[in-house]
Amino acid sequence: MSTWRRTKFNAQACFEDGLRFDSKKEAAYYKRLKLLKKATHDSDRVDFFLRQVPFDLPGGIKYRVDFQVFYCDGRIEFVDVKGFETKEFKMKKRMVENLYPVEIIIV
């Protein structure tokens, strides 16, 4: 019996560097960020990044963005890797952006 489980919208969970990702697309973005840590141009180079960064929303709801990326030039990005945008996701994204001084980038 396989230990792989599919998540909603038929995304296949996978592992990279011993870390679990909800989709192959999210794992691929993780690998891209690792490569950008080695970039030669400061505007592209990633200093470090965090995974599954939580935001508290009213009503005890938590929203977790897939990555918070800190670039060497001082920029900070909040990135969500999505294959499909649900109504619930769009609502939570709007709430986060209204409550916090952030913009969530969809990949």
PDB file of N, CA and C in Angstrom:
ATOM      1  N   MET A   1       0.844  -1.186   0.000  1.00  0.00           N
ATOM      2  CA  MET A   1       0.000   0.000   0.000  1.00  0.00           C
ATOM      3  C   MET A   1       0.888   1.247   0.000  1.00  0.00           C
ATOM      4  N   SER A   2       0.560   2.206  -0.819  1.00  0.00           N
ATOM      5  CA  SER A   2       1.357   3.416  -0.958  1.00  0.00           C
ATOM      6  C   SER A   2       1.145   4.365   0.219  1.00  0.00           C
ATOM      7  N   THR A   3       2.204   5.079   0.597  1.00  0.00           N
ATOM      8  CA  THR A   3       2.097   6.066   1.668  1.00  0.00           C
ATOM      9  C   THR A   3       1.780   7.448   1.112  1.00  0.00           C
ATOM     10  N   TRP A   4       1.688   7.570  -0.223  1.00  0.00           N
ATOM     11  CA  TRP A   4       1.365   8.853  -0.842  1.00  0.00           C
ATOM     12  C   TRP A   4      -0.135   9.075  -0.770  1.00  0.00           C
ATOM     13  N   ARG A   5      -0.529  10.263  -0.366  1.00  0.00           N
ATOM     14  CA  ARG A   5      -1.937  10.637  -0.335  1.00  0.00           C
ATOM     15  C   ARG A   5      -2.150  11.867  -1.179  1.00  0.00           C
ATOM     16  N   ARG A   6      -3.240  11.870  -1.881  1.00  0.00           N
ATOM     17  CA  ARG A   6      -3.580  13.054  -2.669  1.00  0.00           C
ATOM     18  C   ARG A   6      -4.339  14.023  -1.788  1.00  0.00           C
ATOM     19  N   THR A   7      -4.065  15.300  -1.995  1.00  0.00           N
ATOM     20  CA  THR A   7      -4.774  16.337  -1.272  1.00  0.00           C
ATOM     21  C   THR A   7      -5.926  16.818  -2.148  1.00  0.00           C
ATOM     22  N   LYS A   8      -6.666  17.795  -1.661  1.00  0.00           N
ATOM     23  CA  LYS A   8      -7.785  18.294  -2.460  1.00  0.00           C
ATOM     24  C   LYS A   8      -7.307  18.787  -3.818  1.00  0.00           C
ATOM     25  N   PHE A   9      -8.195  18.777  -4.772  1.00  0.00           N
ATOM     26  CA  PHE A   9      -7.937  19.181  -6.153  1.00  0.00           C
ATOM     27  C   PHE A   9      -6.886  18.303  -6.813  1.00  0.00           C
ATOM     28  N   ASN A  10      -6.752  17.070  -6.311  1.00  0.00           N
ATOM     29  CA  ASN A  10      -5.899  16.050  -6.920  1.00  0.00           C
ATOM     30  C   ASN A  10      -4.405  16.379  -6.877  1.00  0.00           C
ATOM     31  N   ALA A  11      -4.000  17.284  -6.016  1.00  0.00           N
ATOM     32  CA  ALA A  11      -2.572  17.579  -5.848  1.00  0.00           C
ATOM     33  C   ALA A  11      -1.942  16.411  -5.097  1.00  0.00           C
ATOM     34  N   GLN A  12      -0.762  16.041  -5.500  1.00  0.00           N
ATOM     35  CA  GLN A  12      -0.093  14.915  -4.861  1.00  0.00           C
ATOM     36  C   GLN A  12       0.950  15.426  -3.880  1.00  0.00           C
ATOM     37  N   ALA A  13       0.776  15.055  -2.616  1.00  0.00           N
ATOM     38  CA  ALA A  13       1.747  15.436  -1.594  1.00  0.00           C
ATOM     39  C   ALA A  13       3.080  14.765  -1.910  1.00  0.00           C
ATOM     40  N   CYS A  14       4.172  15.436  -1.564  1.00  0.00           N
ATOM     41  CA  CYS A  14       5.493  14.865  -1.817  1.00  0.00           C
ATOM     42  C   CYS A  14       6.476  15.384  -0.776  1.00  0.00           C
ATOM     43  N   PHE A  15       7.672  14.821  -0.811  1.00  0.00           N
ATOM     44  CA  PHE A  15       8.704  15.194   0.144  1.00  0.00           C
ATOM     45  C   PHE A  15       9.932  15.703  -0.595  1.00  0.00           C
ATOM     46  N   GLU A  16      10.573  16.695  -0.005  1.00  0.00           N
ATOM     47  CA  GLU A  16      11.825  17.253  -0.517  1.00  0.00           C
ATOM     48  C   GLU A  16      12.674  17.608   0.696  1.00  0.00           C
ATOM     49  N   ASP A  17      13.904  17.128   0.740  1.00  0.00           N
ATOM     50  CA  ASP A  17      14.801  17.368   1.877  1.00  0.00           C
ATOM     51  C   ASP A  17      14.157  16.946   3.202  1.00  0.00           C
ATOM     52  N   GLY A  18      13.338  15.911   3.177  1.00  0.00           N
ATOM     53  CA  GLY A  18      12.681  15.432   4.391  1.00  0.00           C
ATOM     54  C   GLY A  18      11.490  16.273   4.822  1.00  0.00           C
ATOM     55  N   LEU A  19      11.109  17.273   4.036  1.00  0.00           N
ATOM     56  CA  LEU A  19       9.977  18.142   4.344  1.00  0.00           C
ATOM     57  C   LEU A  19       8.785  17.734   3.491  1.00  0.00           C
ATOM     58  N   ARG A  20       7.586  17.777   4.078  1.00  0.00           N
ATOM     59  CA  ARG A  20       6.378  17.422   3.344  1.00  0.00           C
ATOM     60  C   ARG A  20       5.778  18.665   2.694  1.00  0.00           C
ATOM     61  N   PHE A  21       5.395  18.524   1.435  1.00  0.00           N
ATOM     62  CA  PHE A  21       4.745  19.595   0.688  1.00  0.00           C
ATOM     63  C   PHE A  21       3.401  19.088   0.190  1.00  0.00           C
ATOM     64  N   ASP A  22       2.410  19.978   0.139  1.00  0.00           N
ATOM     65  CA  ASP A  22       1.064  19.594  -0.277  1.00  0.00           C
ATOM     66  C   ASP A  22       0.963  19.285  -1.763  1.00  0.00           C
ATOM     67  N   SER A  23       1.931  19.748  -2.553  1.00  0.00           N
ATOM     68  CA  SER A  23       1.888  19.500  -3.992  1.00  0.00           C
ATOM     69  C   SER A  23       3.302  19.499  -4.560  1.00  0.00           C
ATOM     70  N   LYS A  24       3.410  18.925  -5.746  1.00  0.00           N
ATOM     71  CA  LYS A  24       4.694  18.949  -6.445  1.00  0.00           C
ATOM     72  C   LYS A  24       5.065  20.379  -6.822  1.00  0.00           C
ATOM     73  N   LYS A  25       4.058  21.177  -7.111  1.00  0.00           N
ATOM     74  CA  LYS A  25       4.289  22.580  -7.474  1.00  0.00           C
ATOM     75  C   LYS A  25       4.909  23.346  -6.295  1.00  0.00           C
ATOM     76  N   GLU A  26       4.407  23.091  -5.085  1.00  0.00           N
ATOM     77  CA  GLU A  26       4.960  23.752  -3.896  1.00  0.00           C
ATOM     78  C   GLU A  26       6.397  23.285  -3.647  1.00  0.00           C
ATOM     79  N   ALA A  27       6.655  21.996  -3.836  1.00  0.00           N
ATOM     80  CA  ALA A  27       8.015  21.463  -3.669  1.00  0.00           C
ATOM     81  C   ALA A  27       8.957  22.070  -4.707  1.00  0.00           C
ATOM     82  N   ALA A  28       8.471  22.258  -5.932  1.00  0.00           N
ATOM     83  CA  ALA A  28       9.294  22.863  -6.978  1.00  0.00           C
ATOM     84  C   ALA A  28       9.639  24.312  -6.629  1.00  0.00           C
ATOM     85  N   TYR A  29       8.686  25.038  -6.045  1.00  0.00           N
ATOM     86  CA  TYR A  29       8.963  26.421  -5.644  1.00  0.00           C
ATOM     87  C   TYR A  29       9.999  26.453  -4.522  1.00  0.00           C
ATOM     88  N   TYR A  30       9.918  25.509  -3.607  1.00  0.00           N
ATOM     89  CA  TYR A  30      10.916  25.376  -2.541  1.00  0.00           C
ATOM     90  C   TYR A  30      12.310  25.185  -3.147  1.00  0.00           C
ATOM     91  N   LYS A  31      12.412  24.316  -4.141  1.00  0.00           N
ATOM     92  CA  LYS A  31      13.711  24.080  -4.790  1.00  0.00           C
ATOM     93  C   LYS A  31      14.204  25.356  -5.486  1.00  0.00           C
ATOM     94  N   ARG A  32      13.269  26.110  -6.094  1.00  0.00           N
ATOM     95  CA  ARG A  32      13.633  27.368  -6.741  1.00  0.00           C
ATOM     96  C   ARG A  32      14.198  28.362  -5.725  1.00  0.00           C
ATOM     97  N   LEU A  33      13.559  28.442  -4.550  1.00  0.00           N
ATOM     98  CA  LEU A  33      14.056  29.340  -3.507  1.00  0.00           C
ATOM     99  C   LEU A  33      15.447  28.929  -3.042  1.00  0.00           C
ATOM    100  N   LYS A  34      15.683  27.635  -2.943  1.00  0.00           N
ATOM    101  CA  LYS A  34      17.019  27.163  -2.554  1.00  0.00           C
ATOM    102  C   LYS A  34      18.063  27.590  -3.584  1.00  0.00           C
ATOM    103  N   LEU A  35      17.709  27.538  -4.866  1.00  0.00           N
ATOM    104  CA  LEU A  35      18.635  27.986  -5.916  1.00  0.00           C
ATOM    105  C   LEU A  35      18.876  29.490  -5.846  1.00  0.00           C
ATOM    106  N   LEU A  36      17.817  30.252  -5.529  1.00  0.00           N
ATOM    107  CA  LEU A  36      17.960  31.707  -5.444  1.00  0.00           C
ATOM    108  C   LEU A  36      18.828  32.135  -4.259  1.00  0.00           C
ATOM    109  N   LYS A  37      19.023  31.251  -3.295  1.00  0.00           N
ATOM    110  CA  LYS A  37      19.951  31.562  -2.201  1.00  0.00           C
ATOM    111  C   LYS A  37      21.382  31.617  -2.725  1.00  0.00           C
ATOM    112  N   LYS A  38      21.617  30.978  -3.873  1.00  0.00           N
ATOM    113  CA  LYS A  38      22.959  30.932  -4.464  1.00  0.00           C
ATOM    114  C   LYS A  38      23.113  31.893  -5.640  1.00  0.00           C
ATOM    115  N   ALA A  39      22.094  32.713  -5.899  1.00  0.00           N
ATOM    116  CA  ALA A  39      22.117  33.634  -7.047  1.00  0.00           C
ATOM    117  C   ALA A  39      23.271  34.617  -6.931  1.00  0.00           C
ATOM    118  N   THR A  40      23.712  35.123  -8.077  1.00  0.00           N
ATOM    119  CA  THR A  40      24.850  36.051  -8.088  1.00  0.00           C
ATOM    120  C   THR A  40      24.423  37.511  -8.012  1.00  0.00           C
ATOM    121  N   HIS A  41      23.207  37.836  -8.419  1.00  0.00           N
ATOM    122  CA  HIS A  41      22.720  39.215  -8.365  1.00  0.00           C
ATOM    123  C   HIS A  41      21.952  39.424  -7.067  1.00  0.00           C
ATOM    124  N   ASP A  42      22.306  40.496  -6.343  1.00  0.00           N
ATOM    125  CA  ASP A  42      21.647  40.762  -5.063  1.00  0.00           C
ATOM    126  C   ASP A  42      20.149  40.962  -5.201  1.00  0.00           C
ATOM    127  N   SER A  43      19.685  41.492  -6.343  1.00  0.00           N
ATOM    128  CA  SER A  43      18.248  41.737  -6.496  1.00  0.00           C
ATOM    129  C   SER A  43      17.469  40.425  -6.606  1.00  0.00           C
ATOM    130  N   ASP A  44      18.131  39.348  -7.008  1.00  0.00           N
ATOM    131  CA  ASP A  44      17.484  38.042  -7.143  1.00  0.00           C
ATOM    132  C   ASP A  44      17.769  37.122  -5.955  1.00  0.00           C
ATOM    133  N   ARG A  45      18.838  37.410  -5.240  1.00  0.00           N
ATOM    134  CA  ARG A  45      19.312  36.466  -4.230  1.00  0.00           C
ATOM    135  C   ARG A  45      18.434  36.476  -2.995  1.00  0.00           C
ATOM    136  N   VAL A  46      18.103  35.281  -2.542  1.00  0.00           N
ATOM    137  CA  VAL A  46      17.303  35.086  -1.339  1.00  0.00           C
ATOM    138  C   VAL A  46      18.248  34.927  -0.158  1.00  0.00           C
ATOM    139  N   ASP A  47      18.023  35.703   0.898  1.00  0.00           N
ATOM    140  CA  ASP A  47      18.812  35.571   2.118  1.00  0.00           C
ATOM    141  C   ASP A  47      18.341  34.337   2.883  1.00  0.00           C
ATOM    142  N   PHE A  48      17.024  34.262   3.124  1.00  0.00           N
ATOM    143  CA  PHE A  48      16.430  33.068   3.730  1.00  0.00           C
ATOM    144  C   PHE A  48      14.926  33.112   3.509  1.00  0.00           C
ATOM    145  N   PHE A  49      14.270  32.000   3.829  1.00  0.00           N
ATOM    146  CA  PHE A  49      12.821  31.952   3.680  1.00  0.00           C
ATOM    147  C   PHE A  49      12.230  31.063   4.766  1.00  0.00           C
ATOM    148  N   LEU A  50      10.958  31.324   5.055  1.00  0.00           N
ATOM    149  CA  LEU A  50      10.208  30.556   6.050  1.00  0.00           C
ATOM    150  C   LEU A  50       9.060  29.853   5.346  1.00  0.00           C
ATOM    151  N   ARG A  51       8.661  28.720   5.882  1.00  0.00           N
ATOM    152  CA  ARG A  51       7.530  27.961   5.332  1.00  0.00           C
ATOM    153  C   ARG A  51       6.347  28.020   6.282  1.00  0.00           C
ATOM    154  N   GLN A  52       5.145  27.973   5.710  1.00  0.00           N
ATOM    155  CA  GLN A  52       3.899  27.866   6.468  1.00  0.00           C
ATOM    156  C   GLN A  52       3.784  28.940   7.560  1.00  0.00           C
ATOM    157  N   VAL A  53       3.892  30.183   7.146  1.00  0.00           N
ATOM    158  CA  VAL A  53       3.842  31.326   8.060  1.00  0.00           C
ATOM    159  C   VAL A  53       2.376  31.640   8.387  1.00  0.00           C
ATOM    160  N   PRO A  54       1.997  31.613   9.686  1.00  0.00           N
ATOM    161  CA  PRO A  54       0.580  31.798  10.048  1.00  0.00           C
ATOM    162  C   PRO A  54       0.195  33.266  10.229  1.00  0.00           C
ATOM    163  N   PHE A  55      -1.044  33.550   9.869  1.00  0.00           N
ATOM    164  CA  PHE A  55      -1.679  34.834  10.137  1.00  0.00           C
ATOM    165  C   PHE A  55      -2.951  34.536  10.921  1.00  0.00           C
ATOM    166  N   ASP A  56      -3.165  35.255  12.022  1.00  0.00           N
ATOM    167  CA  ASP A  56      -4.392  35.110  12.805  1.00  0.00           C
ATOM    168  C   ASP A  56      -5.472  36.005  12.209  1.00  0.00           C
ATOM    169  N   LEU A  57      -6.639  35.419  11.997  1.00  0.00           N
ATOM    170  CA  LEU A  57      -7.784  36.154  11.466  1.00  0.00           C
ATOM    171  C   LEU A  57      -8.908  36.135  12.493  1.00  0.00           C
ATOM    172  N   PRO A  58      -9.862  37.052  12.372  1.00  0.00           N
ATOM    173  CA  PRO A  58     -10.981  37.088  13.308  1.00  0.00           C
ATOM    174  C   PRO A  58     -11.733  35.749  13.341  1.00  0.00           C
ATOM    175  N   GLY A  59     -12.294  35.439  14.501  1.00  0.00           N
ATOM    176  CA  GLY A  59     -13.051  34.203  14.650  1.00  0.00           C
ATOM    177  C   GLY A  59     -12.185  32.990  14.924  1.00  0.00           C
ATOM    178  N   GLY A  60     -10.936  33.226  15.320  1.00  0.00           N
ATOM    179  CA  GLY A  60     -10.043  32.107  15.631  1.00  0.00           C
ATOM    180  C   GLY A  60      -9.527  31.379  14.395  1.00  0.00           C
ATOM    181  N   ILE A  61      -9.641  32.000  13.238  1.00  0.00           N
ATOM    182  CA  ILE A  61      -9.206  31.382  11.983  1.00  0.00           C
ATOM    183  C   ILE A  61      -7.729  31.685  11.762  1.00  0.00           C
ATOM    184  N   LYS A  62      -6.998  30.697  11.280  1.00  0.00           N
ATOM    185  CA  LYS A  62      -5.595  30.883  10.915  1.00  0.00           C
ATOM    186  C   LYS A  62      -5.473  30.711   9.407  1.00  0.00           C
ATOM    187  N   TYR A  63      -4.667  31.555   8.804  1.00  0.00           N
ATOM    188  CA  TYR A  63      -4.331  31.421   7.394  1.00  0.00           C
ATOM    189  C   TYR A  63      -2.829  31.238   7.327  1.00  0.00           C
ATOM    190  N   ARG A  64      -2.384  30.224   6.623  1.00  0.00           N
ATOM    191  CA  ARG A  64      -0.944  29.973   6.494  1.00  0.00           C
ATOM    192  C   ARG A  64      -0.511  30.218   5.057  1.00  0.00           C
ATOM    193  N   VAL A  65       0.415  31.136   4.899  1.00  0.00           N
ATOM    194  CA  VAL A  65       0.990  31.393   3.582  1.00  0.00           C
ATOM    195  C   VAL A  65       2.135  30.387   3.409  1.00  0.00           C
ATOM    196  N   ASP A  66       2.312  29.891   2.183  1.00  0.00           N
ATOM    197  CA  ASP A  66       3.308  28.842   1.948  1.00  0.00           C
ATOM    198  C   ASP A  66       4.736  29.290   2.251  1.00  0.00           C
ATOM    199  N   PHE A  67       5.099  30.496   1.817  1.00  0.00           N
ATOM    200  CA  PHE A  67       6.481  30.969   2.005  1.00  0.00           C
ATOM    201  C   PHE A  67       6.517  32.459   2.332  1.00  0.00           C
ATOM    202  N   GLN A  68       7.418  32.825   3.231  1.00  0.00           N
ATOM    203  CA  GLN A  68       7.790  34.215   3.443  1.00  0.00           C
ATOM    204  C   GLN A  68       9.251  34.291   3.026  1.00  0.00           C
ATOM    205  N   VAL A  69       9.526  35.118   2.026  1.00  0.00           N
ATOM    206  CA  VAL A  69      10.846  35.148   1.412  1.00  0.00           C
ATOM    207  C   VAL A  69      11.535  36.471   1.737  1.00  0.00           C
ATOM    208  N   PHE A  70      12.750  36.394   2.241  1.00  0.00           N
ATOM    209  CA  PHE A  70      13.561  37.559   2.583  1.00  0.00           C
ATOM    210  C   PHE A  70      14.703  37.642   1.571  1.00  0.00           C
ATOM    211  N   TYR A  71      14.696  38.699   0.760  1.00  0.00           N
ATOM    212  CA  TYR A  71      15.732  38.888  -0.260  1.00  0.00           C
ATOM    213  C   TYR A  71      16.896  39.689   0.313  1.00  0.00           C
ATOM    214  N   CYS A  72      18.060  39.509  -0.275  1.00  0.00           N
ATOM    215  CA  CYS A  72      19.263  40.202   0.187  1.00  0.00           C
ATOM    216  C   CYS A  72      19.168  41.711   0.012  1.00  0.00           C
ATOM    217  N   ASP A  73      18.324  42.176  -0.913  1.00  0.00           N
ATOM    218  CA  ASP A  73      18.183  43.615  -1.117  1.00  0.00           C
ATOM    219  C   ASP A  73      17.172  44.249  -0.152  1.00  0.00           C
ATOM    220  N   GLY A  74      16.642  43.456   0.787  1.00  0.00           N
ATOM    221  CA  GLY A  74      15.742  43.987   1.804  1.00  0.00           C
ATOM    222  C   GLY A  74      14.260  43.726   1.553  1.00  0.00           C
ATOM    223  N   ARG A  75      13.908  43.281   0.353  1.00  0.00           N
ATOM    224  CA  ARG A  75      12.502  42.985   0.059  1.00  0.00           C
ATOM    225  C   ARG A  75      12.021  41.762   0.843  1.00  0.00           C
ATOM    226  N   ILE A  76      10.747  41.768   1.149  1.00  0.00           N
ATOM    227  CA  ILE A  76      10.104  40.617   1.786  1.00  0.00           C
ATOM    228  C   ILE A  76       8.850  40.311   0.995  1.00  0.00           C
ATOM    229  N   GLU A  77       8.673  39.049   0.623  1.00  0.00           N
ATOM    230  CA  GLU A  77       7.488  38.629  -0.119  1.00  0.00           C
ATOM    231  C   GLU A  77       6.764  37.520   0.635  1.00  0.00           C
ATOM    232  N   PHE A  78       5.451  37.513   0.499  1.00  0.00           N
ATOM    233  CA  PHE A  78       4.619  36.437   1.021  1.00  0.00           C
ATOM    234  C   PHE A  78       4.061  35.712  -0.197  1.00  0.00           C
ATOM    235  N   VAL A  79       4.343  34.425  -0.314  1.00  0.00           N
ATOM    236  CA  VAL A  79       4.015  33.683  -1.523  1.00  0.00           C
ATOM    237  C   VAL A  79       3.150  32.477  -1.180  1.00  0.00           C
ATOM    238  N   ASP A  80       2.072  32.311  -1.944  1.00  0.00           N
ATOM    239  CA  ASP A  80       1.229  31.130  -1.839  1.00  0.00           C
ATOM    240  C   ASP A  80       1.268  30.416  -3.183  1.00  0.00           C
ATOM    241  N   VAL A  81       1.573  29.141  -3.164  1.00  0.00           N
ATOM    242  CA  VAL A  81       1.635  28.340  -4.381  1.00  0.00           C
ATOM    243  C   VAL A  81       0.280  27.650  -4.539  1.00  0.00           C
ATOM    244  N   LYS A  82      -0.433  27.997  -5.598  1.00  0.00           N
ATOM    245  CA  LYS A  82      -1.790  27.480  -5.797  1.00  0.00           C
ATOM    246  C   LYS A  82      -1.946  26.908  -7.194  1.00  0.00           C
ATOM    247  N   GLY A  83      -2.620  25.787  -7.269  1.00  0.00           N
ATOM    248  CA  GLY A  83      -3.021  25.245  -8.551  1.00  0.00           C
ATOM    249  C   GLY A  83      -4.428  25.711  -8.887  1.00  0.00           C
ATOM    250  N   PHE A  84      -5.207  26.014  -7.842  1.00  0.00           N
ATOM    251  CA  PHE A  84      -6.601  26.418  -8.007  1.00  0.00           C
ATOM    252  C   PHE A  84      -6.960  27.346  -6.859  1.00  0.00           C
ATOM    253  N   GLU A  85      -7.592  28.470  -7.174  1.00  0.00           N
ATOM    254  CA  GLU A  85      -7.985  29.440  -6.151  1.00  0.00           C
ATOM    255  C   GLU A  85      -9.459  29.255  -5.802  1.00  0.00           C
ATOM    256  N   THR A  86      -9.730  28.822  -4.571  1.00  0.00           N
ATOM    257  CA  THR A  86     -11.110  28.632  -4.122  1.00  0.00           C
ATOM    258  C   THR A  86     -11.680  29.956  -3.615  1.00  0.00           C
ATOM    259  N   LYS A  87     -12.994  29.997  -3.456  1.00  0.00           N
ATOM    260  CA  LYS A  87     -13.641  31.184  -2.883  1.00  0.00           C
ATOM    261  C   LYS A  87     -13.139  31.417  -1.466  1.00  0.00           C
ATOM    262  N   GLU A  88     -12.979  30.328  -0.700  1.00  0.00           N
ATOM    263  CA  GLU A  88     -12.492  30.437   0.680  1.00  0.00           C
ATOM    264  C   GLU A  88     -11.087  31.034   0.711  1.00  0.00           C
ATOM    265  N   PHE A  89     -10.213  30.566  -0.192  1.00  0.00           N
ATOM    266  CA  PHE A  89      -8.865  31.109  -0.258  1.00  0.00           C
ATOM    267  C   PHE A  89      -8.892  32.601  -0.571  1.00  0.00           C
ATOM    268  N   LYS A  90      -9.680  32.988  -1.581  1.00  0.00           N
ATOM    269  CA  LYS A  90      -9.737  34.394  -1.981  1.00  0.00           C
ATOM    270  C   LYS A  90     -10.220  35.272  -0.828  1.00  0.00           C
ATOM    271  N   MET A  91     -11.201  34.775  -0.071  1.00  0.00           N
ATOM    272  CA  MET A  91     -11.732  35.532   1.060  1.00  0.00           C
ATOM    273  C   MET A  91     -10.661  35.702   2.146  1.00  0.00           C
ATOM    274  N   LYS A  92      -9.972  34.604   2.491  1.00  0.00           N
ATOM    275  CA  LYS A  92      -8.934  34.673   3.523  1.00  0.00           C
ATOM    276  C   LYS A  92      -7.770  35.549   3.084  1.00  0.00           C
ATOM    277  N   LYS A  93      -7.387  35.458   1.821  1.00  0.00           N
ATOM    278  CA  LYS A  93      -6.298  36.290   1.287  1.00  0.00           C
ATOM    279  C   LYS A  93      -6.663  37.761   1.428  1.00  0.00           C
ATOM    280  N   ARG A  94      -7.884  38.108   1.044  1.00  0.00           N
ATOM    281  CA  ARG A  94      -8.356  39.498   1.160  1.00  0.00           C
ATOM    282  C   ARG A  94      -8.340  39.953   2.619  1.00  0.00           C
ATOM    283  N   MET A  95      -8.774  39.084   3.538  1.00  0.00           N
ATOM    284  CA  MET A  95      -8.780  39.429   4.961  1.00  0.00           C
ATOM    285  C   MET A  95      -7.367  39.699   5.462  1.00  0.00           C
ATOM    286  N   VAL A  96      -6.429  38.829   5.111  1.00  0.00           N
ATOM    287  CA  VAL A  96      -5.036  39.014   5.539  1.00  0.00           C
ATOM    288  C   VAL A  96      -4.498  40.338   5.015  1.00  0.00           C
ATOM    289  N   GLU A  97      -4.726  40.616   3.731  1.00  0.00           N
ATOM    290  CA  GLU A  97      -4.195  41.836   3.135  1.00  0.00           C
ATOM    291  C   GLU A  97      -4.852  43.092   3.700  1.00  0.00           C
ATOM    292  N   ASN A  98      -6.095  42.968   4.187  1.00  0.00           N
ATOM    293  CA  ASN A  98      -6.766  44.115   4.813  1.00  0.00           C
ATOM    294  C   ASN A  98      -6.319  44.322   6.261  1.00  0.00           C
ATOM    295  N   LEU A  99      -5.995  43.239   6.962  1.00  0.00           N
ATOM    296  CA  LEU A  99      -5.616  43.335   8.375  1.00  0.00           C
ATOM    297  C   LEU A  99      -4.119  43.571   8.590  1.00  0.00           C
ATOM    298  N   TYR A 100      -3.295  43.111   7.659  1.00  0.00           N
ATOM    299  CA  TYR A 100      -1.840  43.194   7.816  1.00  0.00           C
ATOM    300  C   TYR A 100      -1.256  43.990   6.647  1.00  0.00           C
ATOM    301  N   PRO A 101      -0.110  44.626   6.861  1.00  0.00           N
ATOM    302  CA  PRO A 101       0.505  45.404   5.764  1.00  0.00           C
ATOM    303  C   PRO A 101       1.295  44.504   4.808  1.00  0.00           C
ATOM    304  N   VAL A 102       0.616  43.531   4.181  1.00  0.00           N
ATOM    305  CA  VAL A 102       1.270  42.597   3.281  1.00  0.00           C
ATOM    306  C   VAL A 102       0.458  42.438   2.002  1.00  0.00           C
ATOM    307  N   GLU A 103       1.126  41.975   0.970  1.00  0.00           N
ATOM    308  CA  GLU A 103       0.477  41.555  -0.265  1.00  0.00           C
ATOM    309  C   GLU A 103       0.917  40.121  -0.510  1.00  0.00           C
ATOM    310  N   ILE A 104      -0.043  39.237  -0.726  1.00  0.00           N
ATOM    311  CA  ILE A 104       0.268  37.828  -0.963  1.00  0.00           C
ATOM    312  C   ILE A 104       0.355  37.605  -2.459  1.00  0.00           C
ATOM    313  N   ILE A 105       1.485  37.056  -2.877  1.00  0.00           N
ATOM    314  CA  ILE A 105       1.733  36.774  -4.279  1.00  0.00           C
ATOM    315  C   ILE A 105       1.314  35.333  -4.546  1.00  0.00           C
ATOM    316  N   ILE A 106       0.539  35.149  -5.615  1.00  0.00           N
ATOM    317  CA  ILE A 106       0.094  33.815  -6.003  1.00  0.00           C
ATOM    318  C   ILE A 106       1.009  33.296  -7.104  1.00  0.00           C
ATOM    319  N   VAL A 107       1.498  32.090  -6.915  1.00  0.00           N
ATOM    320  CA  VAL A 107       2.355  31.445  -7.937  1.00  0.00           C
ATOM    321  C   VAL A 107       1.605  30.247  -8.461  1.00  0.00           C
TER     322      VAL A 107
END
